[in-house]
Protein backbone atom coordinates (compact mmCIF):
# COMPACT_ATOMS: atom_id res chain seq x y z
CA UNK A 1 22.13 102.75 -55.74
CA UNK A 2 19.30 101.02 -53.87
CA UNK A 3 16.21 103.07 -54.81
CA UNK A 4 15.13 100.89 -57.72
CA UNK A 5 15.52 97.74 -55.62
CA UNK A 6 13.32 98.91 -52.72
CA UNK A 7 10.45 96.52 -51.95
CA UNK A 8 8.94 97.28 -48.52
CA UNK A 9 9.55 98.17 -44.86
CA UNK A 10 8.33 96.07 -41.93
CA UNK A 11 8.45 97.58 -38.45
CA UNK A 12 9.40 95.03 -35.82
CA UNK A 13 9.29 97.06 -32.60
CA UNK A 14 9.15 100.48 -30.98
CA UNK A 15 11.14 101.15 -27.82
CA UNK A 16 10.47 103.58 -24.98
CA UNK A 17 12.45 106.77 -24.65
CA UNK A 18 13.36 108.61 -27.79
CA UNK A 19 11.74 107.22 -30.87
CA UNK A 20 13.73 104.04 -31.40
CA UNK A 21 12.45 101.76 -34.10
CA UNK A 22 13.58 98.30 -35.12
CA UNK A 23 12.61 97.64 -38.70
CA UNK A 24 13.46 95.61 -41.77
CA UNK A 25 13.87 97.12 -45.22
CA UNK A 26 13.39 94.62 -48.01
CA UNK A 27 14.96 94.96 -51.44
CA UNK A 28 14.41 93.02 -54.65
CA UNK A 29 17.37 92.15 -56.85
CA UNK A 30 19.81 94.04 -54.65
CA UNK A 31 23.43 93.94 -55.74
CA UNK A 32 25.15 91.28 -53.58
CA UNK A 33 28.11 93.62 -53.11
CA UNK A 34 26.10 96.13 -51.05
CA UNK A 35 27.48 96.37 -47.53
CA UNK A 36 26.11 97.74 -44.29
CA UNK A 37 28.30 100.82 -44.54
CA UNK A 38 26.96 101.52 -48.06
CA UNK A 39 23.39 101.70 -46.76
CA UNK A 40 24.41 103.96 -43.89
CA UNK A 41 26.18 106.29 -46.33
CA UNK A 42 23.13 106.42 -48.63
CA UNK A 43 20.84 107.31 -45.71
CA UNK A 44 23.18 109.99 -44.40
CA UNK A 45 23.45 111.53 -47.87
CA UNK A 46 19.67 111.65 -48.24
CA UNK A 47 19.01 113.32 -44.88
CA UNK A 48 18.29 117.03 -45.02
CA UNK A 49 20.48 119.31 -42.90
CA UNK A 50 18.34 121.76 -40.98
CA UNK A 51 19.20 125.42 -41.50
CA UNK A 52 16.33 126.69 -39.32
CA UNK A 53 17.11 128.87 -36.34
CA UNK A 54 16.03 126.60 -33.53
CA UNK A 55 17.30 124.07 -31.05
CA UNK A 56 18.46 121.62 -33.71
CA UNK A 57 20.31 123.85 -36.19
CA UNK A 58 22.52 121.70 -38.41
CA UNK A 59 20.75 118.49 -37.36
CA UNK A 60 20.02 115.81 -39.92
CA UNK A 61 16.30 115.50 -40.59
CA UNK A 62 14.14 112.83 -42.17
CA UNK A 63 10.94 114.72 -42.88
CA UNK A 64 9.86 116.22 -39.57
CA UNK A 65 12.03 113.86 -37.51
CA UNK A 66 15.55 114.61 -36.29
CA UNK A 67 17.93 111.69 -36.90
CA UNK A 68 21.11 111.26 -34.89
CA UNK A 69 23.49 109.92 -37.54
CA UNK A 70 25.92 108.65 -34.91
CA UNK A 71 23.34 106.19 -33.57
CA UNK A 72 21.83 104.91 -36.79
CA UNK A 73 22.77 101.31 -37.32
CA UNK A 74 22.23 98.88 -40.18
CA UNK A 75 22.84 95.24 -40.81
CA UNK A 76 22.56 93.76 -44.27
CA UNK A 77 20.92 90.35 -44.00
CA UNK A 78 20.04 87.95 -46.79
CA UNK A 79 16.35 87.41 -47.52
CA UNK A 80 15.08 84.31 -45.83
CA UNK A 81 13.18 82.42 -48.47
CA UNK A 82 11.18 79.47 -47.12
CA UNK A 83 12.44 76.20 -48.51
CA UNK A 84 9.88 74.48 -50.72
CA UNK A 85 8.22 71.53 -49.06
CA UNK A 86 9.19 68.55 -51.22
CA UNK A 87 6.65 66.20 -49.62
CA UNK A 88 3.71 68.28 -50.87
CA UNK A 89 5.16 68.68 -54.36
CA UNK A 90 5.88 64.97 -54.85
CA UNK A 91 2.43 63.65 -53.97
CA UNK A 92 0.82 61.91 -56.92
CA UNK A 93 -2.66 61.94 -55.35
CA UNK A 94 -4.13 65.07 -53.74
CA UNK A 95 -5.36 64.96 -50.13
CA UNK A 96 -9.03 65.09 -51.07
CA UNK A 97 -8.62 62.02 -53.31
CA UNK A 98 -7.06 60.07 -50.43
CA UNK A 99 -10.04 61.00 -48.23
CA UNK A 100 -12.49 59.82 -50.91
CA UNK A 101 -10.64 56.51 -51.29
CA UNK A 102 -10.58 55.86 -47.52
CA UNK A 103 -14.29 56.68 -47.11
CA UNK A 104 -15.15 54.54 -50.16
CA UNK A 105 -13.20 51.54 -48.90
CA UNK A 106 -14.78 51.89 -45.45
CA UNK A 107 -18.25 51.93 -46.99
CA UNK A 108 -17.53 48.84 -49.10
CA UNK A 109 -16.18 47.00 -46.04
CA UNK A 110 -19.36 47.86 -44.10
CA UNK A 111 -21.62 46.59 -46.91
CA UNK A 112 -19.63 43.33 -47.24
CA UNK A 113 -19.65 42.65 -43.48
CA UNK A 114 -23.38 43.46 -43.27
CA UNK A 115 -24.10 41.17 -46.25
CA UNK A 116 -22.13 38.25 -44.78
CA UNK A 117 -23.95 38.65 -41.46
CA UNK A 118 -27.39 38.64 -43.13
CA UNK A 119 -26.59 35.57 -45.27
CA UNK A 120 -25.29 33.67 -42.21
CA UNK A 121 -28.38 34.48 -40.15
CA UNK A 122 -30.61 33.38 -43.04
CA UNK A 123 -28.79 30.02 -43.34
CA UNK A 124 -29.04 29.48 -39.57
CA UNK A 125 -32.77 30.21 -39.67
CA UNK A 126 -33.24 27.84 -42.64
CA UNK A 127 -31.33 25.08 -40.85
CA UNK A 128 -33.41 25.60 -37.69
CA UNK A 129 -36.64 25.49 -39.66
CA UNK A 130 -35.68 22.26 -41.43
CA UNK A 131 -34.78 20.66 -38.09
CA UNK A 132 -38.05 21.86 -36.55
CA UNK A 133 -40.07 20.52 -39.48
CA UNK A 134 -38.38 17.11 -39.19
CA UNK A 135 -39.15 16.99 -35.48
CA UNK A 136 -42.80 17.82 -36.08
CA UNK A 137 -43.15 15.23 -38.85
CA UNK A 138 -41.55 12.45 -36.85
CA UNK A 139 -43.84 12.82 -33.88
């Protein structure tokens, strides 16, 4: 019923006292009609009944562990698939390209500002030199 659909088990927590375990069992392509009671029935059918002469004669066993079938509990939950992030899928330019563009534009802006500053200083120096030369010639 569910054996072919089994994917994995993830243990969430252990609790003190008897061995109490909270865990998730994941299935692939599980029939949507499977109910909680169906899973409990499958587990109870698969447990071995102990015929040994000991303290737990007639107890349900899962390997070497005794399972109290009255306290086993299941809840069938749908798989939580993360929703795809549309913002990342719709980007026309990757992140690294944006970084290259920003750094390139910053570099160009620096070169232009530096060039304008140098040209201005050169014109000021030329104008000062012309004025100084006229003053020297007129005296």
